[in-house]
C-alpha atoms as a PDB file:
ATOM      1  CA  MET A   1     -30.654 -15.715-122.887  1.00  0.00           C
ATOM      2  CA  PHE A   2     -27.898 -13.124-121.777  1.00  0.00           C
ATOM      3  CA  ASP A   3     -24.739 -13.556-121.923  1.00  0.00           C
ATOM      4  CA  HIS A   4     -23.081 -10.197-122.898  1.00  0.00           C
ATOM      5  CA  ILE A   5     -24.775  -7.095-122.167  1.00  0.00           C
ATOM      6  CA  LEU A   6     -23.638  -3.471-123.554  1.00  0.00           C
ATOM      7  CA  VAL A   7     -23.584  -0.816-122.046  1.00  0.00           C
ATOM      8  CA  PRO A   8     -23.024   2.399-124.276  1.00  0.00           C
ATOM      9  CA  THR A   9     -21.094   5.673-122.328  1.00  0.00           C
ATOM     10  CA  ASP A  10     -20.506   8.988-122.122  1.00  0.00           C
ATOM     11  CA  GLY A  11     -20.286   8.981-118.342  1.00  0.00           C
ATOM     12  CA  SER A  12     -22.992  11.201-118.162  1.00  0.00           C
ATOM     13  CA  ASP A  13     -25.443  11.177-115.363  1.00  0.00           C
ATOM     14  CA  CYS A  14     -28.673   9.396-117.998  1.00  0.00           C
ATOM     15  CA  ALA A  15     -26.157   6.737-119.206  1.00  0.00           C
ATOM     16  CA  GLN A  16     -24.995   5.875-115.712  1.00  0.00           C
ATOM     17  CA  ALA A  17     -28.384   5.331-114.857  1.00  0.00           C
ATOM     18  CA  ALA A  18     -28.001   2.314-117.231  1.00  0.00           C
ATOM     19  CA  VAL A  19     -25.379   0.986-115.143  1.00  0.00           C
ATOM     20  CA  GLY A  20     -26.796  -0.649-112.363  1.00  0.00           C
ATOM     21  CA  TYR A  21     -29.626  -2.229-114.469  1.00  0.00           C
ATOM     22  CA  ALA A  22     -27.148  -4.219-116.388  1.00  0.00           C
ATOM     23  CA  ALA A  23     -25.134  -5.171-113.226  1.00  0.00           C
ATOM     24  CA  ASP A  24     -28.144  -6.835-112.035  1.00  0.00           C
ATOM     25  CA  LEU A  25     -28.740  -8.458-115.491  1.00  0.00           C
ATOM     26  CA  ALA A  26     -25.735  -9.705-115.557  1.00  0.00           C
ATOM     27  CA  THR A  27     -25.537 -11.016-112.373  1.00  0.00           C
ATOM     28  CA  ARG A  28     -28.787 -12.886-112.771  1.00  0.00           C
ATOM     29  CA  TYR A  29     -27.386 -14.401-115.979  1.00  0.00           C
ATOM     30  CA  ASP A  30     -23.867 -14.969-115.509  1.00  0.00           C
ATOM     31  CA  ALA A  31     -23.539 -12.561-117.927  1.00  0.00           C
ATOM     32  CA  ARG A  32     -20.585 -10.166-119.113  1.00  0.00           C
ATOM     33  CA  VAL A  33     -20.806  -6.253-119.338  1.00  0.00           C
ATOM     34  CA  HIS A  34     -19.151  -4.214-122.371  1.00  0.00           C
ATOM     35  CA  ALA A  35     -18.665  -0.516-121.626  1.00  0.00           C
ATOM     36  CA  LEU A  36     -18.297   1.102-125.030  1.00  0.00           C
ATOM     37  CA  SER A  37     -17.642   4.557-124.822  1.00  0.00           C
ATOM     38  CA  VAL A  38     -17.750   6.230-128.531  1.00  0.00           C
ATOM     39  CA  ALA A  39     -16.058   9.324-129.833  1.00  0.00           C
ATOM     40  CA  ASP A  40     -18.076  11.403-131.973  1.00  0.00           C
ATOM     41  CA  SER A  41     -16.065  11.474-135.599  1.00  0.00           C
ATOM     42  CA  ARG A  42     -18.008  14.199-136.787  1.00  0.00           C
ATOM     43  CA  THR A  43     -16.819  16.200-133.690  1.00  0.00           C
ATOM     44  CA  LEU A  44     -13.363  15.052-133.197  1.00  0.00           C
ATOM     45  CA  GLY A  45     -11.620  18.492-134.313  1.00  0.00           C
ATOM     46  CA  THR A  46      -7.646  19.093-134.601  1.00  0.00           C
ATOM     47  CA  ALA A  47      -4.781  16.325-133.324  1.00  0.00           C
ATOM     48  CA  PRO A  48      -4.717  17.624-130.156  1.00  0.00           C
ATOM     49  CA  GLN A  49      -8.412  17.837-129.361  1.00  0.00           C
ATOM     50  CA  ALA A  50      -8.651  14.229-130.635  1.00  0.00           C
ATOM     51  CA  ASP A  51      -6.145  12.826-128.470  1.00  0.00           C
ATOM     52  CA  GLN A  52      -7.684  14.426-125.485  1.00  0.00           C
ATOM     53  CA  ILE A  53     -11.321  13.333-126.147  1.00  0.00           C
ATOM     54  CA  ARG A  54     -10.255   9.475-127.224  1.00  0.00           C
ATOM     55  CA  LYS A  55      -8.071  10.100-123.563  1.00  0.00           C
ATOM     56  CA  GLU A  56     -11.429  10.961-121.734  1.00  0.00           C
ATOM     57  CA  ARG A  57     -13.574   8.204-123.793  1.00  0.00           C
ATOM     58  CA  GLU A  58     -11.250   5.604-122.503  1.00  0.00           C
ATOM     59  CA  GLU A  59     -11.485   6.959-119.176  1.00  0.00           C
ATOM     60  CA  ILE A  60     -15.444   6.674-118.859  1.00  0.00           C
ATOM     61  CA  ALA A  61     -15.242   3.550-120.043  1.00  0.00           C
ATOM     62  CA  GLU A  62     -12.959   2.203-117.606  1.00  0.00           C
ATOM     63  CA  ARG A  63     -14.683   4.047-114.568  1.00  0.00           C
ATOM     64  CA  THR A  64     -17.618   2.140-116.111  1.00  0.00           C
ATOM     65  CA  CYS A  65     -16.054  -0.931-115.695  1.00  0.00           C
ATOM     66  CA  ASN A  66     -14.979  -0.902-112.404  1.00  0.00           C
ATOM     67  CA  ASP A  67     -18.182   0.518-111.240  1.00  0.00           C
ATOM     68  CA  LEU A  68     -19.746  -2.975-112.409  1.00  0.00           C
ATOM     69  CA  SER A  69     -16.629  -4.775-110.957  1.00  0.00           C
ATOM     70  CA  THR A  70     -18.114  -3.737-107.755  1.00  0.00           C
ATOM     71  CA  SER A  71     -20.518  -6.097-108.450  1.00  0.00           C
ATOM     72  CA  GLY A  72     -18.454  -9.073-108.758  1.00  0.00           C
ATOM     73  CA  VAL A  73     -19.960  -8.596-112.747  1.00  0.00           C
ATOM     74  CA  SER A  74     -17.096  -9.678-115.179  1.00  0.00           C
ATOM     75  CA  THR A  75     -16.492  -6.713-117.533  1.00  0.00           C
ATOM     76  CA  GLU A  76     -14.824  -5.724-121.155  1.00  0.00           C
ATOM     77  CA  GLN A  77     -14.008  -1.926-121.845  1.00  0.00           C
ATOM     78  CA  ALA A  78     -13.796  -0.426-125.428  1.00  0.00           C
ATOM     79  CA  VAL A  79     -13.370   2.478-127.475  1.00  0.00           C
ATOM     80  CA  ARG A  80     -14.340   3.412-130.473  1.00  0.00           C
ATOM     81  CA  THR A  81     -14.239   6.346-133.246  1.00  0.00           C
ATOM     82  CA  ASP A  82     -17.325   6.160-135.390  1.00  0.00           C
ATOM     83  CA  ILE A  83     -20.874   8.074-135.365  1.00  0.00           C
ATOM     84  CA  PRO A  84     -22.330   7.163-131.917  1.00  0.00           C
ATOM     85  CA  HIS A  85     -25.429   5.038-132.905  1.00  0.00           C
ATOM     86  CA  LYS A  86     -23.302   3.219-135.724  1.00  0.00           C
ATOM     87  CA  ALA A  87     -20.711   2.301-133.284  1.00  0.00           C
ATOM     88  CA  ILE A  88     -22.829   1.019-131.148  1.00  0.00           C
ATOM     89  CA  LEU A  89     -24.835  -1.486-133.593  1.00  0.00           C
ATOM     90  CA  ARG A  90     -21.427  -2.452-135.276  1.00  0.00           C
ATOM     91  CA  TYR A  91     -20.489  -3.431-131.574  1.00  0.00           C
ATOM     92  CA  ALA A  92     -23.154  -5.252-130.733  1.00  0.00           C
ATOM     93  CA  THR A  93     -23.066  -7.446-133.906  1.00  0.00           C
ATOM     94  CA  GLU A  94     -19.163  -8.145-133.749  1.00  0.00           C
ATOM     95  CA  GLN A  95     -19.218  -8.906-129.895  1.00  0.00           C
ATOM     96  CA  ASP A  96     -22.377 -11.019-130.583  1.00  0.00           C
ATOM     97  CA  ILE A  97     -24.213  -8.683-127.837  1.00  0.00           C
ATOM     98  CA  ASP A  98     -27.125  -9.989-126.619  1.00  0.00           C
ATOM     99  CA  LEU A  99     -28.658  -6.825-124.897  1.00  0.00           C
ATOM    100  CA  ILE A 100     -28.369  -3.274-124.939  1.00  0.00           C
ATOM    101  CA  VAL A 101     -29.192  -1.240-121.624  1.00  0.00           C
ATOM    102  CA  MET A 102     -29.244   2.652-122.400  1.00  0.00           C
ATOM    103  CA  GLY A 103     -30.046   5.406-119.892  1.00  0.00           C
ATOM    104  CA  THR A 104     -32.480   8.413-121.261  1.00  0.00           C
ATOM    105  CA  HIS A 105     -33.331  11.517-119.976  1.00  0.00           C
ATOM    106  CA  GLY A 106     -35.794  11.613-116.966  1.00  0.00           C
ATOM    107  CA  ARG A 107     -37.363  14.461-117.981  1.00  0.00           C
ATOM    108  CA  THR A 108     -41.199  16.013-118.187  1.00  0.00           C
ATOM    109  CA  GLY A 109     -43.774  17.335-119.715  1.00  0.00           C
ATOM    110  CA  VAL A 110     -42.615  17.988-123.594  1.00  0.00           C
ATOM    111  CA  GLU A 111     -39.187  16.871-122.987  1.00  0.00           C
ATOM    112  CA  ARG A 112     -40.021  13.424-121.376  1.00  0.00           C
ATOM    113  CA  TYR A 113     -40.637  12.968-125.308  1.00  0.00           C
ATOM    114  CA  LEU A 114     -37.191  13.560-126.334  1.00  0.00           C
ATOM    115  CA  LEU A 115     -35.165  10.386-125.442  1.00  0.00           C
ATOM    116  CA  GLY A 116     -31.892  11.430-126.779  1.00  0.00           C
ATOM    117  CA  SER A 117     -31.056  10.854-130.768  1.00  0.00           C
ATOM    118  CA  VAL A 118     -28.506   8.444-130.019  1.00  0.00           C
ATOM    119  CA  THR A 119     -30.809   6.222-128.013  1.00  0.00           C
ATOM    120  CA  GLU A 120     -33.074   6.665-130.249  1.00  0.00           C
ATOM    121  CA  LYS A 121     -31.359   5.495-133.649  1.00  0.00           C
ATOM    122  CA  VAL A 122     -30.061   2.131-131.570  1.00  0.00           C
ATOM    123  CA  ILE A 123     -33.533   1.145-129.915  1.00  0.00           C
ATOM    124  CA  ARG A 124     -35.069   1.432-133.882  1.00  0.00           C
ATOM    125  CA  LEU A 125     -32.325  -0.082-135.444  1.00  0.00           C
ATOM    126  CA  SER A 126     -31.182  -2.775-133.317  1.00  0.00           C
ATOM    127  CA  ASP A 127     -31.263  -6.594-134.120  1.00  0.00           C
ATOM    128  CA  VAL A 128     -30.984  -7.236-130.221  1.00  0.00           C
ATOM    129  CA  PRO A 129     -33.341  -6.117-127.338  1.00  0.00           C
ATOM    130  CA  VAL A 130     -32.982  -2.723-125.878  1.00  0.00           C
ATOM    131  CA  LEU A 131     -33.674  -1.818-122.319  1.00  0.00           C
ATOM    132  CA  THR A 132     -34.327   1.634-121.720  1.00  0.00           C
ATOM    133  CA  VAL A 133     -33.818   3.134-118.187  1.00  0.00           C
ATOM    134  CA  LYS A 134     -34.841   6.578-117.252  1.00  0.00           C
ATOM    135  CA  ALA A 135     -32.390   8.876-115.271  1.00  0.00           C
ATOM    136  CA  GLU A 136     -34.585  10.268-112.540  1.00  0.00           C
ATOM    137  CA  GLU A 137     -33.428  13.009-110.506  1.00  0.00           C
ATOM    138  CA  ASP A 138     -35.107  11.810-107.354  1.00  0.00           C
ATOM    139  CA  GLY A 139     -36.447   8.000-108.866  1.00  0.00           C
ATOM    140  CA  GLU A 140     -35.507   4.351-107.297  1.00  0.00           C
ATOM    141  CA  ALA A 141     -34.250   1.800-109.185  1.00  0.00           C
ATOM    142  CA  THR A 142     -36.741  -0.599-109.864  1.00  0.00           C
ATOM    143  CA  TYR A 143     -34.984  -4.009-110.277  1.00  0.00           C
ATOM    144  CA  PRO A 144     -34.716  -6.671-108.868  1.00  0.00           C
ATOM    145  CA  TYR A 145     -38.039  -7.248-110.993  1.00  0.00           C
ATOM    146  CA  THR A 146     -41.222  -8.297-109.273  1.00  0.00           C
ATOM    147  CA  ASP A 147     -43.801  -7.403-112.041  1.00  0.00           C
ATOM    148  CA  ILE A 148     -43.185  -7.582-115.556  1.00  0.00           C
ATOM    149  CA  LEU A 149     -45.536  -6.288-117.896  1.00  0.00           C
ATOM    150  CA  VAL A 150     -46.282  -7.935-121.747  1.00  0.00           C
ATOM    151  CA  PRO A 151     -48.375  -6.242-123.697  1.00  0.00           C
ATOM    152  CA  THR A 152     -49.703  -7.388-126.157  1.00  0.00           C
ATOM    153  CA  ASP A 153     -52.686  -7.431-129.640  1.00  0.00           C
ATOM    154  CA  GLY A 154     -51.648 -10.709-130.936  1.00  0.00           C
ATOM    155  CA  SER A 155     -50.047  -9.393-133.873  1.00  0.00           C
ATOM    156  CA  GLU A 156     -46.309 -11.292-134.283  1.00  0.00           C
ATOM    157  CA  GLY A 157     -44.687  -8.232-133.440  1.00  0.00           C
ATOM    158  CA  ALA A 158     -45.841  -8.147-130.135  1.00  0.00           C
ATOM    159  CA  GLU A 159     -45.054 -11.842-130.139  1.00  0.00           C
ATOM    160  CA  ALA A 160     -41.138 -10.925-130.058  1.00  0.00           C
ATOM    161  CA  ALA A 161     -41.101  -9.990-126.608  1.00  0.00           C
ATOM    162  CA  ILE A 162     -43.148 -12.932-125.262  1.00  0.00           C
ATOM    163  CA  ASP A 163     -40.452 -15.659-124.887  1.00  0.00           C
ATOM    164  CA  PRO A 164     -37.765 -13.081-123.332  1.00  0.00           C
ATOM    165  CA  ALA A 165     -40.460 -12.063-121.005  1.00  0.00           C
ATOM    166  CA  ILE A 166     -41.380 -14.977-119.220  1.00  0.00           C
ATOM    167  CA  ASP A 167     -37.727 -15.918-119.483  1.00  0.00           C
ATOM    168  CA  ILE A 168     -36.999 -12.695-117.021  1.00  0.00           C
ATOM    169  CA  ALA A 169     -39.906 -13.830-115.076  1.00  0.00           C
ATOM    170  CA  ARG A 170     -38.807 -17.010-114.480  1.00  0.00           C
ATOM    171  CA  THR A 171     -35.081 -15.444-113.205  1.00  0.00           C
ATOM    172  CA  TYR A 172     -35.957 -13.604-111.335  1.00  0.00           C
ATOM    173  CA  ASP A 173     -39.424 -15.218-109.764  1.00  0.00           C
ATOM    174  CA  ALA A 174     -41.218 -12.114-110.545  1.00  0.00           C
ATOM    175  CA  ARG A 175     -45.054 -12.423-111.347  1.00  0.00           C
ATOM    176  CA  LEU A 176     -45.914 -11.396-115.036  1.00  0.00           C
ATOM    177  CA  HIS A 177     -48.852  -9.698-116.630  1.00  0.00           C
ATOM    178  CA  ALA A 178     -50.065 -10.190-119.671  1.00  0.00           C
ATOM    179  CA  LEU A 179     -52.531  -6.989-120.818  1.00  0.00           C
ATOM    180  CA  SER A 180     -54.149  -6.414-124.300  1.00  0.00           C
ATOM    181  CA  VAL A 181     -55.763  -3.140-124.442  1.00  0.00           C
ATOM    182  CA  ILE A 182     -58.724  -2.722-127.196  1.00  0.00           C
ATOM    183  CA  ASP A 183     -58.446   0.676-128.649  1.00  0.00           C
ATOM    184  CA  THR A 184     -62.119   1.502-128.533  1.00  0.00           C
ATOM    185  CA  MET A 185     -60.819   5.032-128.927  1.00  0.00           C
ATOM    186  CA  SER A 186     -60.103   4.845-133.014  1.00  0.00           C
ATOM    187  CA  MET A 187     -63.214   2.830-133.405  1.00  0.00           C
ATOM    188  CA  GLY A 188     -66.681   4.542-134.723  1.00  0.00           C
ATOM    189  CA  VAL A 189     -69.584   4.205-132.219  1.00  0.00           C
ATOM    190  CA  ASP A 190     -71.530   1.257-134.305  1.00  0.00           C
ATOM    191  CA  VAL A 191     -68.499  -0.549-134.284  1.00  0.00           C
ATOM    192  CA  ARG A 192     -67.373  -0.456-130.805  1.00  0.00           C
ATOM    193  CA  SER A 193     -71.327  -1.609-129.994  1.00  0.00           C
ATOM    194  CA  GLY A 194     -71.558  -4.593-132.912  1.00  0.00           C
ATOM    195  CA  ALA A 195     -70.012  -8.359-133.813  1.00  0.00           C
ATOM    196  CA  PHE A 196     -66.351  -7.404-134.632  1.00  0.00           C
ATOM    197  CA  LEU A 197     -66.245  -5.818-131.088  1.00  0.00           C
ATOM    198  CA  GLU A 198     -66.785  -8.781-129.784  1.00  0.00           C
ATOM    199  CA  ALA A 199     -64.595 -10.754-132.497  1.00  0.00           C
ATOM    200  CA  LEU A 200     -61.790  -8.216-131.331  1.00  0.00           C
ATOM    201  CA  GLU A 201     -62.165  -9.736-127.777  1.00  0.00           C
ATOM    202  CA  GLU A 202     -62.125 -12.943-128.370  1.00  0.00           C
ATOM    203  CA  ALA A 203     -58.671 -12.502-130.261  1.00  0.00           C
ATOM    204  CA  THR A 204     -57.622 -10.142-127.483  1.00  0.00           C
ATOM    205  CA  GLN A 205     -58.646 -12.891-124.678  1.00  0.00           C
ATOM    206  CA  SER A 206     -56.712 -15.801-126.732  1.00  0.00           C
ATOM    207  CA  ALA A 207     -53.823 -13.995-127.313  1.00  0.00           C
ATOM    208  CA  VAL A 208     -53.391 -13.083-123.060  1.00  0.00           C
ATOM    209  CA  GLU A 209     -54.733 -16.796-122.630  1.00  0.00           C
ATOM    210  CA  SER A 210     -51.828 -18.115-124.907  1.00  0.00           C
ATOM    211  CA  ILE A 211     -49.414 -15.920-122.635  1.00  0.00           C
ATOM    212  CA  GLU A 212     -50.689 -17.529-119.419  1.00  0.00           C
ATOM    213  CA  GLU A 213     -50.353 -20.847-120.809  1.00  0.00           C
ATOM    214  CA  LEU A 214     -46.695 -20.329-122.096  1.00  0.00           C
ATOM    215  CA  ALA A 215     -45.766 -18.900-118.666  1.00  0.00           C
ATOM    216  CA  THR A 216     -47.746 -21.269-116.800  1.00  0.00           C
ATOM    217  CA  GLN A 217     -45.371 -24.404-118.842  1.00  0.00           C
ATOM    218  CA  ALA A 218     -42.411 -22.481-118.083  1.00  0.00           C
ATOM    219  CA  SER A 219     -42.823 -22.640-114.324  1.00  0.00           C
ATOM    220  CA  VAL A 220     -43.439 -18.295-113.685  1.00  0.00           C
ATOM    221  CA  SER A 221     -44.488 -18.552-110.161  1.00  0.00           C
ATOM    222  CA  ALA A 222     -47.770 -15.984-110.836  1.00  0.00           C
ATOM    223  CA  VAL A 223     -49.210 -14.837-114.034  1.00  0.00           C
ATOM    224  CA  GLU A 224     -52.110 -12.413-114.864  1.00  0.00           C
ATOM    225  CA  THR A 225     -54.181 -11.239-117.794  1.00  0.00           C
ATOM    226  CA  ALA A 226     -55.946  -8.323-118.076  1.00  0.00           C
ATOM    227  CA  ILE A 227     -57.898  -6.798-121.128  1.00  0.00           C
ATOM    228  CA  GLU A 228     -58.664  -3.104-121.513  1.00  0.00           C
ATOM    229  CA  HIS A 229     -60.261  -0.518-123.313  1.00  0.00           C
ATOM    230  CA  GLY A 230     -59.273   2.677-124.809  1.00  0.00           C
ATOM    231  CA  ASN A 231     -55.776   4.562-125.763  1.00  0.00           C
ATOM    232  CA  PRO A 232     -53.658   1.335-126.087  1.00  0.00           C
ATOM    233  CA  TYR A 233     -50.405   3.651-124.510  1.00  0.00           C
ATOM    234  CA  ARG A 234     -52.245   5.394-122.128  1.00  0.00           C
ATOM    235  CA  GLY A 235     -53.676   1.672-121.399  1.00  0.00           C
ATOM    236  CA  ILE A 236     -50.408   0.458-120.471  1.00  0.00           C
ATOM    237  CA  ARG A 237     -49.444   3.643-118.562  1.00  0.00           C
ATOM    238  CA  THR A 238     -52.333   3.324-116.010  1.00  0.00           C
ATOM    239  CA  TYR A 239     -51.835  -0.338-115.785  1.00  0.00           C
ATOM    240  CA  VAL A 240     -47.788   0.262-114.967  1.00  0.00           C
ATOM    241  CA  GLU A 241     -48.951   2.824-112.078  1.00  0.00           C
ATOM    242  CA  GLU A 242     -51.732   0.913-110.811  1.00  0.00           C
ATOM    243  CA  HIS A 243     -50.178  -2.511-110.550  1.00  0.00           C
ATOM    244  CA  ASP A 244     -46.757  -1.240-109.399  1.00  0.00           C
ATOM    245  CA  ILE A 245     -44.444  -1.960-112.726  1.00  0.00           C
ATOM    246  CA  ASP A 246     -40.966  -2.662-112.531  1.00  0.00           C
ATOM    247  CA  LEU A 247     -40.530  -3.405-116.243  1.00  0.00           C
ATOM    248  CA  VAL A 248     -42.354  -3.327-119.579  1.00  0.00           C
ATOM    249  CA  MET A 249     -41.314  -5.670-122.451  1.00  0.00           C
ATOM    250  CA  MET A 250     -42.401  -4.618-125.944  1.00  0.00           C
ATOM    251  CA  GLY A 251     -42.444  -6.154-129.409  1.00  0.00           C
ATOM    252  CA  THR A 252     -41.467  -4.181-132.184  1.00  0.00           C
ATOM    253  CA  HIS A 253     -41.917  -5.015-135.841  1.00  0.00           C
ATOM    254  CA  GLY A 254     -39.550  -6.913-137.637  1.00  0.00           C
ATOM    255  CA  ARG A 255     -38.534  -4.923-140.853  1.00  0.00           C
ATOM    256  CA  SER A 256     -35.918  -3.869-142.871  1.00  0.00           C
ATOM    257  CA  GLY A 257     -35.019  -0.761-144.905  1.00  0.00           C
ATOM    258  CA  ILE A 258     -36.423   2.397-144.252  1.00  0.00           C
ATOM    259  CA  GLY A 259     -39.631   0.609-141.921  1.00  0.00           C
ATOM    260  CA  ARG A 260     -36.692  -0.034-139.515  1.00  0.00           C
ATOM    261  CA  TYR A 261     -37.316   3.285-138.384  1.00  0.00           C
ATOM    262  CA  LEU A 262     -41.179   2.596-136.935  1.00  0.00           C
ATOM    263  CA  LEU A 263     -41.485   0.579-134.197  1.00  0.00           C
ATOM    264  CA  GLY A 264     -44.827   1.302-133.962  1.00  0.00           C
ATOM    265  CA  SER A 265     -46.332   4.088-132.342  1.00  0.00           C
ATOM    266  CA  VAL A 266     -47.866   2.280-129.615  1.00  0.00           C
ATOM    267  CA  ALA A 267     -43.949   0.844-128.781  1.00  0.00           C
ATOM    268  CA  GLU A 268     -42.489   4.401-129.212  1.00  0.00           C
ATOM    269  CA  LYS A 269     -45.091   6.080-127.153  1.00  0.00           C
ATOM    270  CA  THR A 270     -44.718   3.896-124.516  1.00  0.00           C
ATOM    271  CA  VAL A 271     -40.894   3.881-124.441  1.00  0.00           C
ATOM    272  CA  ARG A 272     -40.582   7.798-124.199  1.00  0.00           C
ATOM    273  CA  THR A 273     -43.790   8.029-121.898  1.00  0.00           C
ATOM    274  CA  SER A 274     -43.000   4.811-119.317  1.00  0.00           C
ATOM    275  CA  PRO A 275     -42.180   5.770-115.221  1.00  0.00           C
ATOM    276  CA  VAL A 276     -40.405   2.401-115.773  1.00  0.00           C
ATOM    277  CA  PRO A 277     -37.781   0.583-118.028  1.00  0.00           C
ATOM    278  CA  VAL A 278     -39.090  -0.627-121.347  1.00  0.00           C
ATOM    279  CA  MET A 279     -37.474  -3.036-123.016  1.00  0.00           C
ATOM    280  CA  THR A 280     -38.408  -3.270-126.784  1.00  0.00           C
ATOM    281  CA  VAL A 281     -37.632  -6.566-128.659  1.00  0.00           C
ATOM    282  CA  ARG A 282     -37.397  -6.707-132.286  1.00  0.00           C
ATOM    283  CA  ARG A 283     -39.619  -9.641-134.622  1.00  0.00           C
ATOM    284  CA  SER A 284     -36.955 -11.277-136.384  1.00  0.00           C
ATOM    285  CA  GLU A 285     -37.054 -11.257-140.194  1.00  0.00           C
END
């Protein structure tokens, strides 16, 4: 599933957090990891300064490849001069990248909602899955994965993450959790107690059972299903914490144009607030 993995890096601790995750996946999938460092074309300035910045980017890419090579991973380094998120997306297309692994800030409070503009744009616009990894000061790596969560509401967008989640669970011999959180918070009191809720519960039950069936057919070692009620992204967060989840897999909309910028509020909030890495998978148009 993953033959070419891209790690964009600027040498920061935030970017460095992604390297170990990329190396672990590459080892499991026998993949090549591409270390890409981008010189921002908007801030290069004068010629001597531009040359120095490009040289620094080359050193960063080389250092990242050296770090990856210690894990026995096949690597390729690249430096581009462009607007960072555009360079990353263009490189992913040109090199047939299967997965982008990016670090995000490991902040708390209000600042934990700020992923960084480059990561934000890549997540929203990438056609290939994007794994976001927080750089926590005292955090520990969550790989190798033992418990993987795939939330679903039964929609086509959510379904995009099912096959990759099953493949990773099988590759890591991990337990796969299928969770559906019914958003009762947005329903009226009358609706919550009526036939509509019953129909919704049946639909969500069918959605998680479908994942269980597919995972069992794919020889995933263990599968658990759950249906919760409440605020979806908070329900996902609570489930992650209570079940020691290592990785969350979420599908996003397969939109074009302006709509590409809309992940869906649940996916977006989960990416921003999850204490563990989140892989977003876009549904093909």
